[in-house]
N, C-alpha and C. Protein backbone atom coordinates (compact mmCIF):
# COMPACT_ATOMS: atom_id res chain seq x y z
N MET A 1 12.56 145.03 -60.63
CA MET A 1 11.31 144.99 -59.90
C MET A 1 10.18 145.35 -60.84
N THR A 2 9.09 144.64 -60.71
CA THR A 2 7.91 144.92 -61.49
C THR A 2 6.84 145.47 -60.57
N VAL A 3 6.25 146.57 -60.97
CA VAL A 3 5.18 147.17 -60.20
C VAL A 3 3.95 147.17 -61.07
N THR A 4 2.86 146.70 -60.53
CA THR A 4 1.61 146.66 -61.27
C THR A 4 0.67 147.69 -60.69
N ALA A 5 0.18 148.56 -61.52
CA ALA A 5 -0.79 149.55 -61.08
C ALA A 5 -2.17 149.11 -61.50
N GLU A 6 -3.16 149.44 -60.71
CA GLU A 6 -4.52 149.03 -61.00
C GLU A 6 -5.27 150.04 -61.87
N ARG A 7 -4.65 151.15 -62.19
CA ARG A 7 -5.32 152.16 -63.01
C ARG A 7 -4.32 152.69 -64.04
N PRO A 8 -4.82 153.30 -65.10
CA PRO A 8 -3.90 153.85 -66.10
C PRO A 8 -2.97 154.87 -65.48
N LEU A 9 -1.76 154.95 -66.02
CA LEU A 9 -0.74 155.82 -65.46
C LEU A 9 -0.62 157.15 -66.19
N SER A 10 -1.56 157.44 -67.08
CA SER A 10 -1.43 158.64 -67.89
C SER A 10 -1.50 159.93 -67.06
N THR A 11 -2.28 159.95 -66.00
CA THR A 11 -2.41 161.13 -65.17
C THR A 11 -2.26 160.74 -63.71
N ALA A 12 -1.41 161.45 -63.01
CA ALA A 12 -1.22 161.16 -61.59
C ALA A 12 -2.45 161.61 -60.81
N THR A 13 -2.86 160.78 -59.88
CA THR A 13 -3.99 161.07 -59.01
C THR A 13 -3.49 161.76 -57.75
N ASP A 14 -4.25 162.72 -57.28
CA ASP A 14 -3.91 163.37 -56.02
C ASP A 14 -4.14 162.37 -54.90
N PRO A 15 -3.11 162.02 -54.13
CA PRO A 15 -3.27 161.04 -53.07
C PRO A 15 -4.24 161.48 -51.98
N ARG A 16 -4.60 162.75 -51.97
CA ARG A 16 -5.58 163.26 -51.02
C ARG A 16 -6.90 162.49 -51.15
N ALA A 17 -7.16 161.96 -52.34
CA ALA A 17 -8.40 161.20 -52.58
C ALA A 17 -8.45 159.92 -51.75
N LEU A 18 -7.33 159.48 -51.21
CA LEU A 18 -7.30 158.26 -50.39
C LEU A 18 -7.78 158.49 -48.96
N LEU A 19 -7.95 159.74 -48.57
CA LEU A 19 -8.25 160.09 -47.18
C LEU A 19 -9.53 160.91 -47.08
N SER A 20 -10.30 160.68 -46.04
CA SER A 20 -11.42 161.57 -45.77
C SER A 20 -10.85 162.89 -45.24
N ALA A 21 -11.64 163.94 -45.36
CA ALA A 21 -11.20 165.24 -44.84
C ALA A 21 -10.98 165.17 -43.34
N ALA A 22 -11.84 164.43 -42.65
CA ALA A 22 -11.72 164.32 -41.19
C ALA A 22 -10.44 163.60 -40.79
N LEU A 23 -10.11 162.52 -41.51
CA LEU A 23 -8.88 161.78 -41.20
C LEU A 23 -7.65 162.62 -41.51
N LEU A 24 -7.64 163.29 -42.63
CA LEU A 24 -6.53 164.18 -42.98
C LEU A 24 -6.32 165.22 -41.88
N ASP A 25 -7.41 165.81 -41.43
CA ASP A 25 -7.32 166.83 -40.38
C ASP A 25 -6.79 166.24 -39.08
N ARG A 26 -7.29 165.06 -38.69
CA ARG A 26 -6.83 164.41 -37.45
C ARG A 26 -5.34 164.13 -37.48
N LEU A 27 -4.88 163.56 -38.58
CA LEU A 27 -3.46 163.21 -38.68
C LEU A 27 -2.58 164.45 -38.78
N ALA A 28 -3.01 165.44 -39.55
CA ALA A 28 -2.22 166.67 -39.67
C ALA A 28 -2.14 167.39 -38.33
N THR A 29 -3.23 167.40 -37.59
CA THR A 29 -3.23 168.04 -36.27
C THR A 29 -2.26 167.34 -35.34
N ARG A 30 -2.18 166.01 -35.41
CA ARG A 30 -1.24 165.25 -34.58
C ARG A 30 0.20 165.63 -34.94
N ILE A 31 0.48 165.75 -36.23
CA ILE A 31 1.85 166.10 -36.67
C ILE A 31 2.21 167.51 -36.22
N VAL A 32 1.27 168.45 -36.34
CA VAL A 32 1.52 169.82 -35.87
C VAL A 32 1.87 169.80 -34.39
N LYS A 33 1.10 169.07 -33.61
CA LYS A 33 1.31 169.02 -32.17
C LYS A 33 2.63 168.35 -31.81
N ASP A 34 2.91 167.21 -32.44
CA ASP A 34 4.09 166.42 -32.07
C ASP A 34 5.40 166.92 -32.67
N HIS A 35 5.32 167.62 -33.81
CA HIS A 35 6.55 167.99 -34.52
C HIS A 35 6.70 169.48 -34.77
N ASP A 36 5.76 170.27 -34.25
CA ASP A 36 5.86 171.73 -34.33
C ASP A 36 6.11 172.21 -35.76
N VAL A 37 5.28 171.71 -36.68
CA VAL A 37 5.33 172.19 -38.07
C VAL A 37 4.03 172.90 -38.38
N ALA A 38 4.05 173.73 -39.40
CA ALA A 38 2.84 174.45 -39.82
C ALA A 38 1.82 173.47 -40.40
N LEU A 39 0.54 173.79 -40.24
CA LEU A 39 -0.53 172.92 -40.71
C LEU A 39 -0.44 172.60 -42.21
N PRO A 40 -0.15 173.56 -43.09
CA PRO A 40 -0.05 173.19 -44.52
C PRO A 40 1.02 172.13 -44.79
N LEU A 41 2.16 172.22 -44.12
CA LEU A 41 3.20 171.20 -44.28
C LEU A 41 2.74 169.87 -43.71
N ALA A 42 2.10 169.90 -42.56
CA ALA A 42 1.60 168.66 -41.96
C ALA A 42 0.60 167.97 -42.89
N GLU A 43 -0.26 168.75 -43.53
CA GLU A 43 -1.22 168.17 -44.48
C GLU A 43 -0.51 167.53 -45.66
N ARG A 44 0.52 168.19 -46.19
CA ARG A 44 1.29 167.61 -47.29
C ARG A 44 1.95 166.30 -46.86
N ILE A 45 2.46 166.26 -45.63
CA ILE A 45 3.08 165.04 -45.12
C ILE A 45 2.06 163.91 -45.07
N VAL A 46 0.88 164.18 -44.56
CA VAL A 46 -0.17 163.15 -44.48
C VAL A 46 -0.55 162.66 -45.87
N VAL A 47 -0.73 163.57 -46.80
CA VAL A 47 -1.12 163.19 -48.16
C VAL A 47 -0.03 162.33 -48.81
N GLN A 48 1.22 162.70 -48.62
CA GLN A 48 2.31 161.93 -49.21
C GLN A 48 2.46 160.58 -48.51
N THR A 49 2.15 160.51 -47.23
CA THR A 49 2.15 159.24 -46.51
C THR A 49 1.11 158.30 -47.12
N ALA A 50 -0.06 158.83 -47.44
CA ALA A 50 -1.09 158.01 -48.09
C ALA A 50 -0.61 157.47 -49.43
N ALA A 51 0.09 158.31 -50.20
CA ALA A 51 0.63 157.85 -51.49
C ALA A 51 1.67 156.76 -51.28
N PHE A 52 2.54 156.95 -50.30
CA PHE A 52 3.56 155.95 -49.98
C PHE A 52 2.91 154.62 -49.61
N LEU A 53 1.91 154.67 -48.74
CA LEU A 53 1.25 153.43 -48.32
C LEU A 53 0.50 152.76 -49.47
N ALA A 54 -0.10 153.55 -50.34
CA ALA A 54 -0.76 152.98 -51.52
C ALA A 54 0.26 152.31 -52.43
N ALA A 55 1.43 152.89 -52.55
CA ALA A 55 2.50 152.26 -53.34
C ALA A 55 2.94 150.96 -52.69
N CYS A 56 3.06 150.96 -51.36
CA CYS A 56 3.42 149.73 -50.64
C CYS A 56 2.39 148.64 -50.92
N ALA A 57 1.13 149.02 -51.02
CA ALA A 57 0.05 148.05 -51.26
C ALA A 57 0.20 147.36 -52.60
N ASN A 58 0.76 148.07 -53.57
CA ASN A 58 0.87 147.54 -54.93
C ASN A 58 2.22 146.90 -55.23
N THR A 59 3.10 146.86 -54.26
CA THR A 59 4.47 146.42 -54.50
C THR A 59 4.74 145.10 -53.80
N THR A 60 5.33 144.19 -54.54
CA THR A 60 5.82 142.95 -53.94
C THR A 60 7.32 142.90 -54.21
N GLY A 61 8.03 142.23 -53.36
CA GLY A 61 9.47 142.15 -53.55
C GLY A 61 10.19 143.03 -52.57
N ARG A 62 11.09 143.85 -53.07
CA ARG A 62 11.92 144.68 -52.21
C ARG A 62 11.09 145.76 -51.51
N PRO A 63 11.37 146.00 -50.23
CA PRO A 63 10.56 146.97 -49.49
C PRO A 63 10.78 148.40 -49.97
N LEU A 64 9.77 149.22 -49.71
CA LEU A 64 9.85 150.64 -49.99
C LEU A 64 10.20 151.36 -48.70
N THR A 65 10.81 152.52 -48.83
CA THR A 65 11.29 153.26 -47.68
C THR A 65 10.76 154.68 -47.71
N PRO A 66 10.22 155.17 -46.59
CA PRO A 66 9.73 156.55 -46.59
C PRO A 66 10.87 157.55 -46.50
N SER A 67 10.56 158.77 -46.84
CA SER A 67 11.48 159.87 -46.55
C SER A 67 11.35 160.19 -45.06
N THR A 68 12.20 161.06 -44.57
CA THR A 68 12.11 161.46 -43.17
C THR A 68 10.75 162.08 -42.87
N ALA A 69 10.26 162.95 -43.74
CA ALA A 69 8.95 163.58 -43.52
C ALA A 69 7.83 162.56 -43.58
N VAL A 70 7.86 161.66 -44.56
CA VAL A 70 6.81 160.66 -44.70
C VAL A 70 6.84 159.68 -43.53
N ASP A 71 8.01 159.41 -42.98
CA ASP A 71 8.09 158.54 -41.81
C ASP A 71 7.37 159.18 -40.63
N ILE A 72 7.46 160.49 -40.49
CA ILE A 72 6.70 161.20 -39.45
C ILE A 72 5.21 160.97 -39.66
N GLY A 73 4.76 161.08 -40.90
CA GLY A 73 3.36 160.84 -41.21
C GLY A 73 2.93 159.41 -40.94
N TRP A 74 3.80 158.45 -41.27
CA TRP A 74 3.48 157.04 -41.05
C TRP A 74 3.34 156.76 -39.56
N HIS A 75 4.26 157.29 -38.76
CA HIS A 75 4.20 157.10 -37.32
C HIS A 75 2.91 157.72 -36.75
N ALA A 76 2.54 158.91 -37.21
CA ALA A 76 1.31 159.54 -36.74
C ALA A 76 0.09 158.70 -37.12
N PHE A 77 0.09 158.15 -38.33
CA PHE A 77 -1.03 157.34 -38.81
C PHE A 77 -1.16 156.07 -37.96
N ILE A 78 -0.06 155.43 -37.69
CA ILE A 78 -0.09 154.18 -36.91
C ILE A 78 -0.67 154.41 -35.51
N LEU A 79 -0.45 155.59 -34.94
CA LEU A 79 -1.01 155.89 -33.62
C LEU A 79 -2.54 155.87 -33.63
N HIS A 80 -3.12 156.12 -34.78
CA HIS A 80 -4.57 156.06 -34.94
C HIS A 80 -4.90 154.66 -35.49
N THR A 81 -4.81 153.67 -34.62
CA THR A 81 -4.82 152.26 -35.04
C THR A 81 -6.07 151.87 -35.83
N CYS A 82 -7.22 152.29 -35.39
CA CYS A 82 -8.44 151.92 -36.12
C CYS A 82 -8.44 152.52 -37.52
N ASP A 83 -8.12 153.82 -37.61
CA ASP A 83 -8.06 154.48 -38.91
C ASP A 83 -7.00 153.83 -39.80
N TYR A 84 -5.83 153.52 -39.21
CA TYR A 84 -4.75 152.92 -39.99
C TYR A 84 -5.14 151.54 -40.50
N ALA A 85 -5.71 150.71 -39.63
CA ALA A 85 -6.12 149.36 -40.04
C ALA A 85 -7.20 149.44 -41.13
N ASP A 86 -8.16 150.35 -40.97
CA ASP A 86 -9.21 150.51 -41.99
C ASP A 86 -8.61 150.96 -43.33
N PHE A 87 -7.70 151.92 -43.27
CA PHE A 87 -7.04 152.41 -44.49
C PHE A 87 -6.30 151.27 -45.19
N CYS A 88 -5.52 150.53 -44.42
CA CYS A 88 -4.76 149.41 -45.01
C CYS A 88 -5.69 148.41 -45.68
N GLN A 89 -6.76 148.06 -45.00
CA GLN A 89 -7.69 147.08 -45.57
C GLN A 89 -8.33 147.61 -46.85
N ARG A 90 -8.73 148.87 -46.82
CA ARG A 90 -9.40 149.47 -47.98
C ARG A 90 -8.45 149.64 -49.16
N VAL A 91 -7.24 150.11 -48.90
CA VAL A 91 -6.30 150.43 -49.98
C VAL A 91 -5.47 149.22 -50.40
N ALA A 92 -5.06 148.40 -49.44
CA ALA A 92 -4.15 147.29 -49.75
C ALA A 92 -4.81 145.92 -49.69
N GLY A 93 -5.90 145.82 -48.94
CA GLY A 93 -6.52 144.51 -48.75
C GLY A 93 -5.85 143.71 -47.65
N HIS A 94 -4.88 144.32 -46.98
CA HIS A 94 -4.16 143.68 -45.87
C HIS A 94 -3.45 144.77 -45.09
N PHE A 95 -3.02 144.42 -43.89
CA PHE A 95 -2.30 145.36 -43.04
C PHE A 95 -0.92 145.62 -43.62
N ILE A 96 -0.49 146.87 -43.66
CA ILE A 96 0.85 147.24 -44.13
C ILE A 96 1.72 147.38 -42.90
N HIS A 97 2.64 146.46 -42.73
CA HIS A 97 3.47 146.43 -41.54
C HIS A 97 4.59 147.46 -41.61
N HIS A 98 4.88 148.02 -40.48
CA HIS A 98 5.92 149.02 -40.29
C HIS A 98 7.11 148.28 -39.68
N VAL A 99 8.19 148.15 -40.42
CA VAL A 99 9.29 147.30 -40.00
C VAL A 99 10.61 148.08 -40.01
N PRO A 100 11.24 148.25 -38.84
CA PRO A 100 12.56 148.87 -38.83
C PRO A 100 13.55 147.98 -39.58
N THR A 101 14.43 148.59 -40.33
CA THR A 101 15.43 147.80 -41.03
C THR A 101 16.59 147.50 -40.11
N ASN A 102 17.24 146.42 -40.37
CA ASN A 102 18.42 146.02 -39.61
C ASN A 102 19.64 146.56 -40.33
N PRO A 103 20.42 147.43 -39.70
CA PRO A 103 21.56 148.03 -40.39
C PRO A 103 22.57 147.00 -40.90
N ALA A 104 22.55 145.80 -40.34
CA ALA A 104 23.47 144.76 -40.79
C ALA A 104 23.00 144.11 -42.08
N GLU A 105 21.73 144.34 -42.44
CA GLU A 105 21.18 143.74 -43.66
C GLU A 105 21.37 144.70 -44.81
N GLY A 106 22.25 144.38 -45.72
CA GLY A 106 22.51 145.26 -46.85
C GLY A 106 21.81 144.83 -48.11
N GLU A 107 20.85 143.91 -48.01
CA GLU A 107 20.26 143.34 -49.21
C GLU A 107 19.35 144.28 -49.97
N HIS A 108 18.96 145.39 -49.38
CA HIS A 108 18.02 146.26 -50.07
C HIS A 108 18.70 147.44 -50.76
N GLY A 109 20.01 147.47 -50.77
CA GLY A 109 20.73 148.50 -51.49
C GLY A 109 20.91 149.77 -50.69
N THR A 110 21.36 150.80 -51.36
CA THR A 110 21.65 152.08 -50.71
C THR A 110 20.36 152.84 -50.42
N ALA A 111 20.48 153.84 -49.55
CA ALA A 111 19.33 154.69 -49.24
C ALA A 111 18.86 155.42 -50.50
N ALA A 112 19.79 155.85 -51.33
CA ALA A 112 19.41 156.53 -52.57
C ALA A 112 18.64 155.60 -53.50
N ALA A 113 19.06 154.35 -53.58
CA ALA A 113 18.35 153.37 -54.42
C ALA A 113 16.97 153.09 -53.85
N ALA A 114 16.87 152.97 -52.53
CA ALA A 114 15.58 152.72 -51.89
C ALA A 114 14.64 153.91 -52.12
N ARG A 115 15.17 155.12 -52.02
CA ARG A 115 14.38 156.32 -52.27
C ARG A 115 13.85 156.32 -53.70
N GLN A 116 14.72 156.06 -54.66
CA GLN A 116 14.29 156.06 -56.05
C GLN A 116 13.29 154.95 -56.33
N ARG A 117 13.53 153.77 -55.77
CA ARG A 117 12.59 152.64 -55.92
C ARG A 117 11.21 153.05 -55.39
N THR A 118 11.19 153.76 -54.27
CA THR A 118 9.93 154.18 -53.66
C THR A 118 9.23 155.23 -54.52
N LEU A 119 9.97 156.23 -54.99
CA LEU A 119 9.38 157.26 -55.85
C LEU A 119 8.83 156.65 -57.13
N ASP A 120 9.56 155.70 -57.71
CA ASP A 120 9.09 155.02 -58.91
C ASP A 120 7.81 154.24 -58.63
N ALA A 121 7.72 153.61 -57.46
CA ALA A 121 6.54 152.83 -57.09
C ALA A 121 5.33 153.73 -56.86
N ILE A 122 5.54 154.89 -56.25
CA ILE A 122 4.43 155.83 -56.05
C ILE A 122 3.90 156.29 -57.40
N ALA A 123 4.80 156.66 -58.29
CA ALA A 123 4.38 157.10 -59.63
C ALA A 123 3.71 155.97 -60.39
N ALA A 124 4.25 154.75 -60.29
CA ALA A 124 3.66 153.61 -60.98
C ALA A 124 2.28 153.26 -60.43
N ALA A 125 2.06 153.56 -59.15
CA ALA A 125 0.74 153.33 -58.56
C ALA A 125 -0.26 154.41 -58.99
N GLY A 126 0.24 155.43 -59.68
CA GLY A 126 -0.63 156.46 -60.23
C GLY A 126 -0.79 157.70 -59.38
N TYR A 127 0.06 157.86 -58.35
CA TYR A 127 -0.08 158.99 -57.44
C TYR A 127 0.99 160.04 -57.67
N ALA A 128 0.61 161.29 -57.40
CA ALA A 128 1.54 162.40 -57.53
C ALA A 128 2.57 162.34 -56.41
N VAL A 129 3.81 162.66 -56.75
CA VAL A 129 4.90 162.72 -55.79
C VAL A 129 5.15 164.18 -55.44
N ASP A 130 5.18 164.47 -54.15
CA ASP A 130 5.54 165.81 -53.66
C ASP A 130 7.05 165.79 -53.45
N ALA A 131 7.79 166.11 -54.49
CA ALA A 131 9.25 165.94 -54.50
C ALA A 131 9.95 166.66 -53.35
N ASP A 132 9.41 167.78 -52.90
CA ASP A 132 10.04 168.51 -51.80
C ASP A 132 10.07 167.70 -50.50
N LEU A 133 9.19 166.72 -50.37
CA LEU A 133 9.16 165.89 -49.15
C LEU A 133 10.03 164.65 -49.26
N TRP A 134 10.75 164.52 -50.38
CA TRP A 134 11.58 163.33 -50.62
C TRP A 134 13.04 163.66 -50.90
N PRO A 135 13.68 164.54 -50.13
CA PRO A 135 15.09 164.84 -50.43
C PRO A 135 16.00 163.65 -50.15
N GLU A 136 15.57 162.76 -49.27
CA GLU A 136 16.36 161.56 -48.93
C GLU A 136 15.42 160.52 -48.35
N ALA A 137 15.91 159.28 -48.33
CA ALA A 137 15.18 158.23 -47.62
C ALA A 137 15.50 158.37 -46.14
N ALA A 138 14.56 157.97 -45.31
CA ALA A 138 14.80 158.01 -43.87
C ALA A 138 15.87 157.00 -43.49
N ASP A 139 16.62 157.28 -42.44
CA ASP A 139 17.58 156.33 -41.88
C ASP A 139 16.75 155.36 -41.06
N CYS A 140 16.63 154.15 -41.55
CA CYS A 140 15.59 153.24 -41.06
C CYS A 140 16.08 152.16 -40.12
N SER A 141 16.83 152.51 -39.10
CA SER A 141 17.32 151.44 -38.24
C SER A 141 16.72 151.42 -36.84
N GLN A 142 16.10 152.49 -36.39
CA GLN A 142 15.59 152.49 -35.02
C GLN A 142 14.15 152.97 -34.88
N CYS A 143 13.44 153.21 -35.93
CA CYS A 143 12.06 153.69 -35.88
C CYS A 143 11.94 155.14 -35.45
N HIS A 144 12.97 155.72 -34.84
CA HIS A 144 12.90 157.14 -34.54
C HIS A 144 13.33 157.93 -35.77
N ALA A 145 14.05 157.27 -36.66
CA ALA A 145 14.53 157.95 -37.85
C ALA A 145 13.94 157.38 -39.12
N GLY A 146 13.28 156.26 -39.07
CA GLY A 146 12.67 155.75 -40.28
C GLY A 146 12.46 154.26 -40.28
N CYS A 147 11.79 153.79 -41.34
CA CYS A 147 11.38 152.39 -41.41
C CYS A 147 11.09 152.03 -42.86
N SER A 148 10.78 150.75 -43.08
CA SER A 148 10.34 150.31 -44.39
C SER A 148 9.08 149.51 -44.23
N ASP A 149 8.37 149.30 -45.34
CA ASP A 149 7.23 148.41 -45.27
C ASP A 149 7.73 146.99 -45.41
N SER A 150 6.92 146.04 -45.10
CA SER A 150 7.26 144.64 -45.29
C SER A 150 6.35 144.12 -46.37
N PRO A 151 6.81 144.08 -47.63
CA PRO A 151 5.91 143.78 -48.74
C PRO A 151 5.35 142.36 -48.71
N ASN A 152 5.93 141.48 -47.94
CA ASN A 152 5.44 140.10 -47.91
C ASN A 152 4.69 139.75 -46.64
N SER A 153 4.68 140.63 -45.65
CA SER A 153 3.97 140.35 -44.39
C SER A 153 2.48 140.37 -44.62
N GLY A 154 1.81 139.39 -44.06
CA GLY A 154 0.36 139.34 -44.15
C GLY A 154 -0.15 138.76 -45.43
N LYS A 155 0.70 138.39 -46.34
CA LYS A 155 0.27 137.79 -47.61
C LYS A 155 0.61 136.31 -47.59
N SER A 156 -0.27 135.54 -48.18
CA SER A 156 0.05 134.11 -48.24
C SER A 156 0.56 133.73 -49.59
């Protein structure tokens, strides 16, 4: 897989720069309410979700897969449809689709391979990885446990 980054990779950028303070607060507050986690952890989840989505924007080919924590952030973000659509347009130039994987489809490799592919893509996109939020890839078959992006959806 080839990943093209739009900026030099010498220094990782804090993915927090992708979000306004108000949006970060809105999404983190939703995660605190829905998942009973502390606000600092919810903020880290939102920030890492932004990094994941930015990596999805720069990746073509095999889909990327969130961790369990990042999937929580992605689901919270999608609930804020206007903010999510605006973010996708600004960061990716197109909507980033949330697609449950079909457990019968083995073409994307193991969960460990998908996790590593995703971490490599985040780093290649120039964003810092919060390794503590990536112990595993989410189990992506029913949307309650995880999902992948669709790198070819919305592109001609």
